[in-house]
């Protein structure tokens, strides 16, 4: 087993071609400030901590946690450095210290490996409708909002063919068939459709998020396009997080079998399973056996991001006529996946 770990170090630059992305700047927060006065700075540091907590938990109720309230009194105990860039205070939180403090507060955390989101974003103003495309000026507030909320975001090129697809009718359709076909080239995990409208100097939007066949939807508003984008991304984060974050007390001891593995895939698994305290227990050919601490639903959602598919145990037929009594169930549930 030590040999495997040693060889993996040599392969650390390789990874599988998965859609999910690791958010690299998850622990860096930018907060706008009106000045560099101490009082303004302290308030910005507290807001930065709140932003980090929402990024890592996806749960607004976490801000009411008594331990988080204590941390807010002195956010600098979690901060490695901060400085000013223009009209913003840029705060770098220490990942290990921050995670340890929040876990000690009883909060479950969302790992940095998150679904890549392709956003079809249509802005409607008195001057007409515009599909936000990668590289356009209108993309800046959308990208900044996604970064602020810890979401990996992709935008379409918004060329002529995509302008024809990215219409209000397609963005609000019951099924995103037209958008899905045009989205294949971007290889994203989730599809976000947003119809944003300006009215009387204020912005409002209806949004829909598809992750597989699952649909989440809602509405948001903001004083300007940047505030609206942030409100949409916050709502999206709050809807996505429960799929990947197990509620405190919901985690169980699970045995996880991964089939068709190799050294490169082992390196990917180490990254994917890190949030679950995974321990490699056995290696048999191309089969890896781990002990993890998670809920089955959370583990399934995380592994699906890397294209792993759940499989049934070989040579283990189920007799529907003889149900197994609860007391006969194994202590640790076994989940089996294959590349």
C-alpha atoms as a PDB file:
ATOM      1  CA  UNK A   1       0.000   0.000   0.000  1.00  0.00           C
ATOM      2  CA  UNK A   2       2.920   2.317   0.688  1.00  0.00           C
ATOM      3  CA  UNK A   3       4.137   1.555  -2.846  1.00  0.00           C
ATOM      4  CA  UNK A   4       0.844   2.733  -4.294  1.00  0.00           C
ATOM      5  CA  UNK A   5       0.972   6.017  -2.394  1.00  0.00           C
ATOM      6  CA  UNK A   6       4.572   6.602  -3.477  1.00  0.00           C
ATOM      7  CA  UNK A   7       3.752   6.018  -7.127  1.00  0.00           C
ATOM      8  CA  UNK A   8       0.761   8.320  -6.895  1.00  0.00           C
ATOM      9  CA  UNK A   9       3.049  11.187  -5.902  1.00  0.00           C
ATOM     10  CA  UNK A  10       4.801  10.756  -9.243  1.00  0.00           C
ATOM     11  CA  UNK A  11       1.452  10.938 -11.035  1.00  0.00           C
ATOM     12  CA  UNK A  12       0.044  13.960  -9.198  1.00  0.00           C
ATOM     13  CA  UNK A  13       0.058  16.081 -12.360  1.00  0.00           C
ATOM     14  CA  UNK A  14      -2.347  13.690 -14.067  1.00  0.00           C
ATOM     15  CA  UNK A  15      -6.083  13.652 -13.566  1.00  0.00           C
ATOM     16  CA  UNK A  16      -9.131  12.190 -15.205  1.00  0.00           C
ATOM     17  CA  UNK A  17     -11.101  14.277 -17.708  1.00  0.00           C
ATOM     18  CA  UNK A  18     -14.035  15.075 -15.422  1.00  0.00           C
ATOM     19  CA  UNK A  19     -16.493  17.939 -15.663  1.00  0.00           C
ATOM     20  CA  UNK A  20     -16.416  18.819 -11.962  1.00  0.00           C
ATOM     21  CA  UNK A  21     -13.904  21.464 -10.981  1.00  0.00           C
ATOM     22  CA  UNK A  22     -11.880  22.136  -7.886  1.00  0.00           C
ATOM     23  CA  UNK A  23     -12.501  25.708  -6.743  1.00  0.00           C
ATOM     24  CA  UNK A  24      -8.980  27.047  -6.327  1.00  0.00           C
ATOM     25  CA  UNK A  25      -9.825  30.350  -4.674  1.00  0.00           C
ATOM     26  CA  UNK A  26     -12.427  28.989  -2.292  1.00  0.00           C
ATOM     27  CA  UNK A  27     -10.728  30.531   0.747  1.00  0.00           C
ATOM     28  CA  UNK A  28     -10.129  33.982  -0.752  1.00  0.00           C
ATOM     29  CA  UNK A  29     -12.949  36.488  -0.261  1.00  0.00           C
ATOM     30  CA  UNK A  30     -13.311  39.979  -1.737  1.00  0.00           C
ATOM     31  CA  UNK A  31     -15.540  42.414   0.128  1.00  0.00           C
ATOM     32  CA  UNK A  32     -16.266  45.973  -1.068  1.00  0.00           C
ATOM     33  CA  UNK A  33     -15.255  48.776   1.308  1.00  0.00           C
ATOM     34  CA  UNK A  34     -15.991  52.482   1.337  1.00  0.00           C
ATOM     35  CA  UNK A  35     -12.706  53.348   3.044  1.00  0.00           C
ATOM     36  CA  UNK A  36      -9.676  51.852   4.786  1.00  0.00           C
ATOM     37  CA  UNK A  37     -10.730  53.048   8.212  1.00  0.00           C
ATOM     38  CA  UNK A  38     -10.378  50.441  11.004  1.00  0.00           C
ATOM     39  CA  UNK A  39     -14.113  50.272  11.679  1.00  0.00           C
ATOM     40  CA  UNK A  40     -14.899  49.730   8.008  1.00  0.00           C
ATOM     41  CA  UNK A  41     -12.127  47.108   7.779  1.00  0.00           C
ATOM     42  CA  UNK A  42     -13.436  45.174  10.792  1.00  0.00           C
ATOM     43  CA  UNK A  43     -16.938  45.112   9.356  1.00  0.00           C
ATOM     44  CA  UNK A  44     -15.580  43.880   6.029  1.00  0.00           C
ATOM     45  CA  UNK A  45     -13.657  41.094   7.788  1.00  0.00           C
ATOM     46  CA  UNK A  46     -16.861  39.973   9.478  1.00  0.00           C
ATOM     47  CA  UNK A  47     -18.710  40.010   6.151  1.00  0.00           C
ATOM     48  CA  UNK A  48     -15.872  38.017   4.600  1.00  0.00           C
ATOM     49  CA  UNK A  49     -16.222  35.376   7.306  1.00  0.00           C
ATOM     50  CA  UNK A  50     -19.970  35.169   6.657  1.00  0.00           C
ATOM     51  CA  UNK A  51     -19.264  34.728   2.947  1.00  0.00           C
ATOM     52  CA  UNK A  52     -16.789  31.937   3.667  1.00  0.00           C
ATOM     53  CA  UNK A  53     -19.226  30.147   5.970  1.00  0.00           C
ATOM     54  CA  UNK A  54     -21.919  30.235   3.280  1.00  0.00           C
ATOM     55  CA  UNK A  55     -19.440  28.971   0.677  1.00  0.00           C
ATOM     56  CA  UNK A  56     -18.404  26.030   2.813  1.00  0.00           C
ATOM     57  CA  UNK A  57     -21.806  25.046   4.179  1.00  0.00           C
ATOM     58  CA  UNK A  58     -24.364  26.363   1.694  1.00  0.00           C
ATOM     59  CA  UNK A  59     -26.620  26.838   4.705  1.00  0.00           C
ATOM     60  CA  UNK A  60     -27.803  30.320   5.826  1.00  0.00           C
ATOM     61  CA  UNK A  61     -28.679  28.842   9.230  1.00  0.00           C
ATOM     62  CA  UNK A  62     -24.963  28.247   9.823  1.00  0.00           C
ATOM     63  CA  UNK A  63     -24.541  31.995  10.357  1.00  0.00           C
ATOM     64  CA  UNK A  64     -26.693  31.677  13.479  1.00  0.00           C
ATOM     65  CA  UNK A  65     -24.454  29.004  14.969  1.00  0.00           C
ATOM     66  CA  UNK A  66     -23.162  30.233  18.385  1.00  0.00           C
ATOM     67  CA  UNK A  67     -19.599  29.175  17.562  1.00  0.00           C
ATOM     68  CA  UNK A  68     -19.709  31.145  14.302  1.00  0.00           C
ATOM     69  CA  UNK A  69     -20.946  34.158  16.247  1.00  0.00           C
ATOM     70  CA  UNK A  70     -17.867  33.848  18.477  1.00  0.00           C
ATOM     71  CA  UNK A  71     -15.565  33.592  15.454  1.00  0.00           C
ATOM     72  CA  UNK A  72     -17.141  36.714  14.016  1.00  0.00           C
ATOM     73  CA  UNK A  73     -15.906  38.676  17.037  1.00  0.00           C
ATOM     74  CA  UNK A  74     -12.328  38.014  15.923  1.00  0.00           C
ATOM     75  CA  UNK A  75     -12.205  36.787  12.292  1.00  0.00           C
ATOM     76  CA  UNK A  76      -8.457  37.365  12.136  1.00  0.00           C
ATOM     77  CA  UNK A  77      -7.842  34.117  14.038  1.00  0.00           C
ATOM     78  CA  UNK A  78      -8.824  32.337  10.803  1.00  0.00           C
ATOM     79  CA  UNK A  79      -7.065  34.715   8.392  1.00  0.00           C
ATOM     80  CA  UNK A  80      -3.597  34.229   6.932  1.00  0.00           C
ATOM     81  CA  UNK A  81      -3.450  37.657   5.261  1.00  0.00           C
ATOM     82  CA  UNK A  82      -5.556  40.504   3.897  1.00  0.00           C
ATOM     83  CA  UNK A  83      -4.996  43.633   1.856  1.00  0.00           C
ATOM     84  CA  UNK A  84      -6.705  46.255  -0.267  1.00  0.00           C
ATOM     85  CA  UNK A  85      -7.217  46.091  -4.020  1.00  0.00           C
ATOM     86  CA  UNK A  86      -9.013  49.166  -5.280  1.00  0.00           C
ATOM     87  CA  UNK A  87     -12.300  49.488  -3.427  1.00  0.00           C
ATOM     88  CA  UNK A  88     -12.216  45.931  -2.071  1.00  0.00           C
ATOM     89  CA  UNK A  89     -10.657  44.189   0.899  1.00  0.00           C
ATOM     90  CA  UNK A  90      -9.167  40.867  -0.216  1.00  0.00           C
ATOM     91  CA  UNK A  91      -9.083  38.323   2.608  1.00  0.00           C
ATOM     92  CA  UNK A  92      -7.214  34.995   2.497  1.00  0.00           C
ATOM     93  CA  UNK A  93      -8.505  32.542   5.085  1.00  0.00           C
ATOM     94  CA  UNK A  94      -6.319  29.686   6.252  1.00  0.00           C
ATOM     95  CA  UNK A  95      -8.025  26.519   4.924  1.00  0.00           C
ATOM     96  CA  UNK A  96      -6.959  24.123   7.703  1.00  0.00           C
ATOM     97  CA  UNK A  97      -7.781  26.498  10.557  1.00  0.00           C
ATOM     98  CA  UNK A  98     -11.098  27.540   9.010  1.00  0.00           C
ATOM     99  CA  UNK A  99     -12.258  23.998   8.334  1.00  0.00           C
ATOM    100  CA  UNK A 100     -11.236  22.786  11.776  1.00  0.00           C
ATOM    101  CA  UNK A 101     -13.059  25.644  13.503  1.00  0.00           C
ATOM    102  CA  UNK A 102     -16.250  25.148  11.525  1.00  0.00           C
ATOM    103  CA  UNK A 103     -16.233  21.387  11.997  1.00  0.00           C
ATOM    104  CA  UNK A 104     -15.758  21.896  15.734  1.00  0.00           C
ATOM    105  CA  UNK A 105     -18.850  24.080  15.567  1.00  0.00           C
ATOM    106  CA  UNK A 106     -20.758  21.021  14.334  1.00  0.00           C
ATOM    107  CA  UNK A 107     -21.072  22.228  10.746  1.00  0.00           C
ATOM    108  CA  UNK A 108     -20.820  19.896   7.751  1.00  0.00           C
ATOM    109  CA  UNK A 109     -18.703  21.297   4.935  1.00  0.00           C
ATOM    110  CA  UNK A 110     -18.898  21.181   1.152  1.00  0.00           C
ATOM    111  CA  UNK A 111     -15.617  20.149  -0.459  1.00  0.00           C
ATOM    112  CA  UNK A 112     -13.829  22.265  -3.071  1.00  0.00           C
ATOM    113  CA  UNK A 113     -14.740  19.717  -5.769  1.00  0.00           C
ATOM    114  CA  UNK A 114     -17.990  21.118  -7.141  1.00  0.00           C
ATOM    115  CA  UNK A 115     -20.200  20.723 -10.208  1.00  0.00           C
ATOM    116  CA  UNK A 116     -19.242  22.885 -13.175  1.00  0.00           C
ATOM    117  CA  UNK A 117     -22.186  25.139 -14.094  1.00  0.00           C
ATOM    118  CA  UNK A 118     -22.907  26.406 -17.596  1.00  0.00           C
ATOM    119  CA  UNK A 119     -24.969  29.590 -17.353  1.00  0.00           C
ATOM    120  CA  UNK A 120     -27.271  30.715 -20.134  1.00  0.00           C
ATOM    121  CA  UNK A 121     -27.938  34.266 -18.924  1.00  0.00           C
ATOM    122  CA  UNK A 122     -30.229  36.597 -20.850  1.00  0.00           C
ATOM    123  CA  UNK A 123     -30.347  40.304 -19.957  1.00  0.00           C
ATOM    124  CA  UNK A 124     -33.443  42.186 -21.094  1.00  0.00           C
ATOM    125  CA  UNK A 125     -33.487  45.992 -21.026  1.00  0.00           C
ATOM    126  CA  UNK A 126     -35.363  48.731 -22.811  1.00  0.00           C
ATOM    127  CA  UNK A 127     -32.668  48.552 -25.488  1.00  0.00           C
ATOM    128  CA  UNK A 128     -33.290  44.874 -26.220  1.00  0.00           C
ATOM    129  CA  UNK A 129     -32.184  41.422 -25.126  1.00  0.00           C
ATOM    130  CA  UNK A 130     -28.572  40.241 -24.868  1.00  0.00           C
ATOM    131  CA  UNK A 131     -27.244  36.758 -24.178  1.00  0.00           C
ATOM    132  CA  UNK A 132     -24.243  37.078 -21.867  1.00  0.00           C
ATOM    133  CA  UNK A 133     -21.219  35.514 -23.524  1.00  0.00           C
ATOM    134  CA  UNK A 134     -17.744  34.622 -22.397  1.00  0.00           C
ATOM    135  CA  UNK A 135     -15.487  37.656 -22.885  1.00  0.00           C
ATOM    136  CA  UNK A 136     -18.279  40.240 -22.938  1.00  0.00           C
ATOM    137  CA  UNK A 137     -18.335  43.119 -20.464  1.00  0.00           C
ATOM    138  CA  UNK A 138     -21.697  41.870 -19.237  1.00  0.00           C
ATOM    139  CA  UNK A 139     -20.016  38.621 -18.167  1.00  0.00           C
ATOM    140  CA  UNK A 140     -17.946  40.320 -15.464  1.00  0.00           C
ATOM    141  CA  UNK A 141     -20.668  40.666 -12.775  1.00  0.00           C
ATOM    142  CA  UNK A 142     -21.855  37.116 -13.417  1.00  0.00           C
ATOM    143  CA  UNK A 143     -18.344  35.664 -13.087  1.00  0.00           C
ATOM    144  CA  UNK A 144     -17.579  37.788 -10.035  1.00  0.00           C
ATOM    145  CA  UNK A 145     -20.787  36.631  -8.355  1.00  0.00           C
ATOM    146  CA  UNK A 146     -19.995  32.969  -9.048  1.00  0.00           C
ATOM    147  CA  UNK A 147     -16.511  33.382  -7.590  1.00  0.00           C
ATOM    148  CA  UNK A 148     -17.959  35.195  -4.570  1.00  0.00           C
ATOM    149  CA  UNK A 149     -20.275  32.258  -3.892  1.00  0.00           C
ATOM    150  CA  UNK A 150     -17.704  29.535  -4.585  1.00  0.00           C
ATOM    151  CA  UNK A 151     -19.235  28.140  -7.786  1.00  0.00           C
ATOM    152  CA  UNK A 152     -17.297  26.963 -10.874  1.00  0.00           C
ATOM    153  CA  UNK A 153     -18.949  28.848 -13.753  1.00  0.00           C
ATOM    154  CA  UNK A 154     -18.787  28.575 -17.506  1.00  0.00           C
ATOM    155  CA  UNK A 155     -20.443  30.863 -20.032  1.00  0.00           C
ATOM    156  CA  UNK A 156     -21.272  30.134 -23.668  1.00  0.00           C
ATOM    157  CA  UNK A 157     -19.493  32.008 -26.420  1.00  0.00           C
ATOM    158  CA  UNK A 158     -22.834  33.594 -27.355  1.00  0.00           C
ATOM    159  CA  UNK A 159     -22.033  33.449 -31.053  1.00  0.00           C
ATOM    160  CA  UNK A 160     -24.786  33.814 -33.642  1.00  0.00           C
ATOM    161  CA  UNK A 161     -25.919  30.196 -33.396  1.00  0.00           C
ATOM    162  CA  UNK A 162     -26.148  30.423 -29.607  1.00  0.00           C
ATOM    163  CA  UNK A 163     -27.950  33.776 -29.699  1.00  0.00           C
ATOM    164  CA  UNK A 164     -30.669  31.976 -31.644  1.00  0.00           C
ATOM    165  CA  UNK A 165     -30.858  29.272 -28.959  1.00  0.00           C
ATOM    166  CA  UNK A 166     -30.561  31.522 -25.904  1.00  0.00           C
ATOM    167  CA  UNK A 167     -34.013  33.088 -26.177  1.00  0.00           C
ATOM    168  CA  UNK A 168     -36.467  33.891 -23.405  1.00  0.00           C
ATOM    169  CA  UNK A 169     -38.750  31.057 -24.568  1.00  0.00           C
ATOM    170  CA  UNK A 170     -35.967  28.469 -24.394  1.00  0.00           C
ATOM    171  CA  UNK A 171     -34.690  29.730 -21.057  1.00  0.00           C
ATOM    172  CA  UNK A 172     -38.142  29.432 -19.487  1.00  0.00           C
ATOM    173  CA  UNK A 173     -39.228  26.213 -21.211  1.00  0.00           C
ATOM    174  CA  UNK A 174     -40.400  23.302 -19.075  1.00  0.00           C
ATOM    175  CA  UNK A 175     -37.587  21.158 -20.506  1.00  0.00           C
ATOM    176  CA  UNK A 176     -34.188  22.533 -21.544  1.00  0.00           C
ATOM    177  CA  UNK A 177     -33.866  20.349 -24.648  1.00  0.00           C
ATOM    178  CA  UNK A 178     -32.705  23.161 -26.935  1.00  0.00           C
ATOM    179  CA  UNK A 179     -30.211  24.423 -24.351  1.00  0.00           C
ATOM    180  CA  UNK A 180     -28.882  20.928 -23.634  1.00  0.00           C
ATOM    181  CA  UNK A 181     -28.013  20.293 -27.257  1.00  0.00           C
ATOM    182  CA  UNK A 182     -26.162  23.610 -27.527  1.00  0.00           C
ATOM    183  CA  UNK A 183     -24.436  22.951 -24.183  1.00  0.00           C
ATOM    184  CA  UNK A 184     -22.753  19.690 -25.146  1.00  0.00           C
ATOM    185  CA  UNK A 185     -19.622  21.455 -26.387  1.00  0.00           C
ATOM    186  CA  UNK A 186     -18.998  22.919 -22.899  1.00  0.00           C
ATOM    187  CA  UNK A 187     -19.098  19.626 -20.946  1.00  0.00           C
ATOM    188  CA  UNK A 188     -20.660  20.993 -17.750  1.00  0.00           C
ATOM    189  CA  UNK A 189     -22.373  19.140 -14.903  1.00  0.00           C
ATOM    190  CA  UNK A 190     -25.235  21.574 -14.333  1.00  0.00           C
ATOM    191  CA  UNK A 191     -27.226  23.867 -16.591  1.00  0.00           C
ATOM    192  CA  UNK A 192     -28.360  27.265 -15.301  1.00  0.00           C
ATOM    193  CA  UNK A 193     -30.896  29.305 -17.270  1.00  0.00           C
ATOM    194  CA  UNK A 194     -31.475  32.898 -16.129  1.00  0.00           C
ATOM    195  CA  UNK A 195     -33.853  35.463 -17.598  1.00  0.00           C
ATOM    196  CA  UNK A 196     -32.934  38.841 -16.086  1.00  0.00           C
ATOM    197  CA  UNK A 197     -34.960  42.004 -16.674  1.00  0.00           C
ATOM    198  CA  UNK A 198     -34.364  45.651 -15.829  1.00  0.00           C
ATOM    199  CA  UNK A 199     -37.393  47.670 -14.834  1.00  0.00           C
ATOM    200  CA  UNK A 200     -37.313  51.128 -13.328  1.00  0.00           C
ATOM    201  CA  UNK A 201     -33.629  50.953 -12.509  1.00  0.00           C
ATOM    202  CA  UNK A 202     -33.970  47.658 -10.607  1.00  0.00           C
ATOM    203  CA  UNK A 203     -33.227  44.137 -11.747  1.00  0.00           C
ATOM    204  CA  UNK A 204     -35.146  40.932 -11.245  1.00  0.00           C
ATOM    205  CA  UNK A 205     -34.675  37.423 -12.597  1.00  0.00           C
ATOM    206  CA  UNK A 206     -36.221  34.005 -12.828  1.00  0.00           C
ATOM    207  CA  UNK A 207     -33.749  31.131 -12.844  1.00  0.00           C
ATOM    208  CA  UNK A 208     -33.784  27.396 -13.400  1.00  0.00           C
ATOM    209  CA  UNK A 209     -31.037  24.926 -12.541  1.00  0.00           C
ATOM    210  CA  UNK A 210     -30.841  21.410 -13.960  1.00  0.00           C
ATOM    211  CA  UNK A 211     -28.459  18.842 -12.470  1.00  0.00           C
ATOM    212  CA  UNK A 212     -29.135  15.704 -14.442  1.00  0.00           C
ATOM    213  CA  UNK A 213     -32.911  15.389 -14.568  1.00  0.00           C
ATOM    214  CA  UNK A 214     -33.395  17.274 -11.311  1.00  0.00           C
ATOM    215  CA  UNK A 215     -34.784  20.809 -11.500  1.00  0.00           C
ATOM    216  CA  UNK A 216     -34.411  23.659  -9.023  1.00  0.00           C
ATOM    217  CA  UNK A 217     -35.898  27.073  -9.701  1.00  0.00           C
ATOM    218  CA  UNK A 218     -36.513  30.421  -8.114  1.00  0.00           C
ATOM    219  CA  UNK A 219     -36.486  34.182  -8.491  1.00  0.00           C
ATOM    220  CA  UNK A 220     -34.158  36.945  -7.350  1.00  0.00           C
ATOM    221  CA  UNK A 221     -33.826  40.715  -7.441  1.00  0.00           C
ATOM    222  CA  UNK A 222     -31.141  43.332  -7.002  1.00  0.00           C
ATOM    223  CA  UNK A 223     -30.498  47.046  -7.167  1.00  0.00           C
ATOM    224  CA  UNK A 224     -28.197  46.540 -10.161  1.00  0.00           C
ATOM    225  CA  UNK A 225     -26.930  43.740 -12.386  1.00  0.00           C
ATOM    226  CA  UNK A 226     -24.080  42.877  -9.986  1.00  0.00           C
ATOM    227  CA  UNK A 227     -26.394  42.589  -6.977  1.00  0.00           C
ATOM    228  CA  UNK A 228     -28.798  40.479  -9.008  1.00  0.00           C
ATOM    229  CA  UNK A 229     -26.038  38.127 -10.145  1.00  0.00           C
ATOM    230  CA  UNK A 230     -24.881  37.674  -6.555  1.00  0.00           C
ATOM    231  CA  UNK A 231     -28.430  36.933  -5.397  1.00  0.00           C
ATOM    232  CA  UNK A 232     -28.881  34.294  -8.106  1.00  0.00           C
ATOM    233  CA  UNK A 233     -25.540  32.610  -7.369  1.00  0.00           C
ATOM    234  CA  UNK A 234     -26.242  32.574  -3.637  1.00  0.00           C
ATOM    235  CA  UNK A 235     -29.591  30.893  -4.256  1.00  0.00           C
ATOM    236  CA  UNK A 236     -28.003  28.357  -6.597  1.00  0.00           C
ATOM    237  CA  UNK A 237     -25.336  27.553  -4.007  1.00  0.00           C
ATOM    238  CA  UNK A 238     -27.972  27.006  -1.322  1.00  0.00           C
ATOM    239  CA  UNK A 239     -29.879  24.612  -3.588  1.00  0.00           C
ATOM    240  CA  UNK A 240     -26.806  22.656  -4.706  1.00  0.00           C
ATOM    241  CA  UNK A 241     -25.044  22.277  -1.367  1.00  0.00           C
ATOM    242  CA  UNK A 242     -27.569  19.895   0.286  1.00  0.00           C
ATOM    243  CA  UNK A 243     -26.829  17.372  -2.469  1.00  0.00           C
ATOM    244  CA  UNK A 244     -23.176  17.232  -1.470  1.00  0.00           C
ATOM    245  CA  UNK A 245     -23.168  18.141   2.232  1.00  0.00           C
ATOM    246  CA  UNK A 246     -24.495  15.677   4.785  1.00  0.00           C
ATOM    247  CA  UNK A 247     -26.391  17.232   7.665  1.00  0.00           C
ATOM    248  CA  UNK A 248     -24.697  16.820  11.069  1.00  0.00           C
ATOM    249  CA  UNK A 249     -25.573  13.384  12.418  1.00  0.00           C
ATOM    250  CA  UNK A 250     -26.574  12.044   8.999  1.00  0.00           C
ATOM    251  CA  UNK A 251     -23.153  10.544   8.190  1.00  0.00           C
ATOM    252  CA  UNK A 252     -22.573   6.805   8.607  1.00  0.00           C
ATOM    253  CA  UNK A 253     -19.642   4.438   8.358  1.00  0.00           C
ATOM    254  CA  UNK A 254     -19.679   3.142   4.788  1.00  0.00           C
ATOM    255  CA  UNK A 255     -17.571   0.675   2.873  1.00  0.00           C
ATOM    256  CA  UNK A 256     -16.872   1.922  -0.635  1.00  0.00           C
ATOM    257  CA  UNK A 257     -15.669  -0.359  -3.427  1.00  0.00           C
ATOM    258  CA  UNK A 258     -14.255   1.210  -6.590  1.00  0.00           C
ATOM    259  CA  UNK A 259     -13.791  -1.065  -9.592  1.00  0.00           C
ATOM    260  CA  UNK A 260     -11.690  -0.611 -12.750  1.00  0.00           C
ATOM    261  CA  UNK A 261      -9.165   1.613 -10.958  1.00  0.00           C
ATOM    262  CA  UNK A 262      -5.587   2.418 -11.911  1.00  0.00           C
ATOM    263  CA  UNK A 263      -2.913   4.710 -10.477  1.00  0.00           C
ATOM    264  CA  UNK A 264      -4.199   7.846 -12.195  1.00  0.00           C
ATOM    265  CA  UNK A 265      -7.717   7.121 -11.027  1.00  0.00           C
ATOM    266  CA  UNK A 266      -6.388   6.463  -7.523  1.00  0.00           C
ATOM    267  CA  UNK A 267      -5.021  10.004  -7.447  1.00  0.00           C
ATOM    268  CA  UNK A 268      -8.418  11.330  -8.473  1.00  0.00           C
ATOM    269  CA  UNK A 269     -10.149   9.272  -5.803  1.00  0.00           C
ATOM    270  CA  UNK A 270      -7.846  10.609  -3.088  1.00  0.00           C
ATOM    271  CA  UNK A 271      -9.025  14.104  -3.967  1.00  0.00           C
ATOM    272  CA  UNK A 272     -12.702  13.180  -4.286  1.00  0.00           C
ATOM    273  CA  UNK A 273     -12.874  11.248  -1.026  1.00  0.00           C
ATOM    274  CA  UNK A 274     -10.827  13.593   1.153  1.00  0.00           C
ATOM    275  CA  UNK A 275     -13.925  15.287   2.699  1.00  0.00           C
ATOM    276  CA  UNK A 276     -15.152  11.894   3.906  1.00  0.00           C
ATOM    277  CA  UNK A 277     -12.069  10.895   5.891  1.00  0.00           C
ATOM    278  CA  UNK A 278     -11.458   8.022   3.480  1.00  0.00           C
ATOM    279  CA  UNK A 279      -9.073   5.220   4.472  1.00  0.00           C
ATOM    280  CA  UNK A 280      -7.853   2.748   1.882  1.00  0.00           C
ATOM    281  CA  UNK A 281      -8.402  -0.705   3.402  1.00  0.00           C
ATOM    282  CA  UNK A 282      -7.703  -3.139   0.583  1.00  0.00           C
ATOM    283  CA  UNK A 283      -6.312  -3.358  -2.959  1.00  0.00           C
ATOM    284  CA  UNK A 284      -7.240  -6.338  -5.121  1.00  0.00           C
ATOM    285  CA  UNK A 285      -6.251  -5.984  -8.761  1.00  0.00           C
ATOM    286  CA  UNK A 286      -8.243  -3.027 -10.106  1.00  0.00           C
ATOM    287  CA  UNK A 287     -10.553  -2.959  -7.054  1.00  0.00           C
ATOM    288  CA  UNK A 288     -10.027  -0.468  -4.238  1.00  0.00           C
ATOM    289  CA  UNK A 289     -11.881  -0.747  -0.930  1.00  0.00           C
ATOM    290  CA  UNK A 290     -12.262   2.350   1.265  1.00  0.00           C
ATOM    291  CA  UNK A 291     -13.776   3.088   4.637  1.00  0.00           C
ATOM    292  CA  UNK A 292     -15.564   6.451   4.569  1.00  0.00           C
ATOM    293  CA  UNK A 293     -17.791   8.530   6.802  1.00  0.00           C
ATOM    294  CA  UNK A 294     -20.709   9.975   4.843  1.00  0.00           C
ATOM    295  CA  UNK A 295     -24.358   9.661   4.006  1.00  0.00           C
ATOM    296  CA  UNK A 296     -25.018   7.385   1.005  1.00  0.00           C
ATOM    297  CA  UNK A 297     -26.762  10.219  -0.845  1.00  0.00           C
ATOM    298  CA  UNK A 298     -23.867  12.639  -0.380  1.00  0.00           C
ATOM    299  CA  UNK A 299     -21.317  10.057  -1.459  1.00  0.00           C
ATOM    300  CA  UNK A 300     -23.324   9.144  -4.554  1.00  0.00           C
ATOM    301  CA  UNK A 301     -23.629  12.794  -5.565  1.00  0.00           C
ATOM    302  CA  UNK A 302     -19.898  13.433  -5.112  1.00  0.00           C
ATOM    303  CA  UNK A 303     -18.803  10.367  -7.081  1.00  0.00           C
ATOM    304  CA  UNK A 304     -21.242  11.086  -9.889  1.00  0.00           C
ATOM    305  CA  UNK A 305     -19.359  14.321 -10.561  1.00  0.00           C
ATOM    306  CA  UNK A 306     -16.415  12.255 -11.783  1.00  0.00           C
ATOM    307  CA  UNK A 307     -18.447   9.906 -13.917  1.00  0.00           C
ATOM    308  CA  UNK A 308     -18.475   6.941 -11.537  1.00  0.00           C
ATOM    309  CA  UNK A 309     -21.524   4.709 -11.851  1.00  0.00           C
ATOM    310  CA  UNK A 310     -23.040   2.637  -9.085  1.00  0.00           C
ATOM    311  CA  UNK A 311     -23.078  -1.116  -9.690  1.00  0.00           C
ATOM    312  CA  UNK A 312     -24.645  -4.088  -7.981  1.00  0.00           C
ATOM    313  CA  UNK A 313     -22.574  -6.758  -6.238  1.00  0.00           C
ATOM    314  CA  UNK A 314     -21.612  -9.620  -8.492  1.00  0.00           C
ATOM    315  CA  UNK A 315     -23.042 -13.040  -7.661  1.00  0.00           C
ATOM    316  CA  UNK A 316     -25.371 -11.541  -5.079  1.00  0.00           C
ATOM    317  CA  UNK A 317     -28.952 -12.163  -6.298  1.00  0.00           C
ATOM    318  CA  UNK A 318     -31.747 -10.769  -4.217  1.00  0.00           C
ATOM    319  CA  UNK A 319     -34.612 -13.078  -3.232  1.00  0.00           C
ATOM    320  CA  UNK A 320     -37.648 -10.837  -3.206  1.00  0.00           C
ATOM    321  CA  UNK A 321     -39.583 -13.493  -1.335  1.00  0.00           C
ATOM    322  CA  UNK A 322     -37.240 -13.523   1.658  1.00  0.00           C
ATOM    323  CA  UNK A 323     -36.658  -9.962   2.919  1.00  0.00           C
ATOM    324  CA  UNK A 324     -33.714  -9.480   5.233  1.00  0.00           C
ATOM    325  CA  UNK A 325     -34.612  -8.459   8.763  1.00  0.00           C
ATOM    326  CA  UNK A 326     -33.172  -5.128   9.970  1.00  0.00           C
ATOM    327  CA  UNK A 327     -31.009  -6.904  12.612  1.00  0.00           C
ATOM    328  CA  UNK A 328     -29.321  -8.898   9.839  1.00  0.00           C
ATOM    329  CA  UNK A 329     -28.068  -5.852   7.974  1.00  0.00           C
ATOM    330  CA  UNK A 330     -24.271  -5.371   8.004  1.00  0.00           C
ATOM    331  CA  UNK A 331     -22.858  -2.772  10.384  1.00  0.00           C
ATOM    332  CA  UNK A 332     -21.297  -0.803   7.525  1.00  0.00           C
ATOM    333  CA  UNK A 333     -23.263  -0.316   4.328  1.00  0.00           C
ATOM    334  CA  UNK A 334     -21.344  -1.265   1.165  1.00  0.00           C
ATOM    335  CA  UNK A 335     -21.582   0.936  -1.927  1.00  0.00           C
ATOM    336  CA  UNK A 336     -19.985  -0.208  -5.174  1.00  0.00           C
ATOM    337  CA  UNK A 337     -18.979   2.041  -8.049  1.00  0.00           C
ATOM    338  CA  UNK A 338     -17.099   1.561 -11.287  1.00  0.00           C
ATOM    339  CA  UNK A 339     -15.326   3.860 -13.742  1.00  0.00           C
END
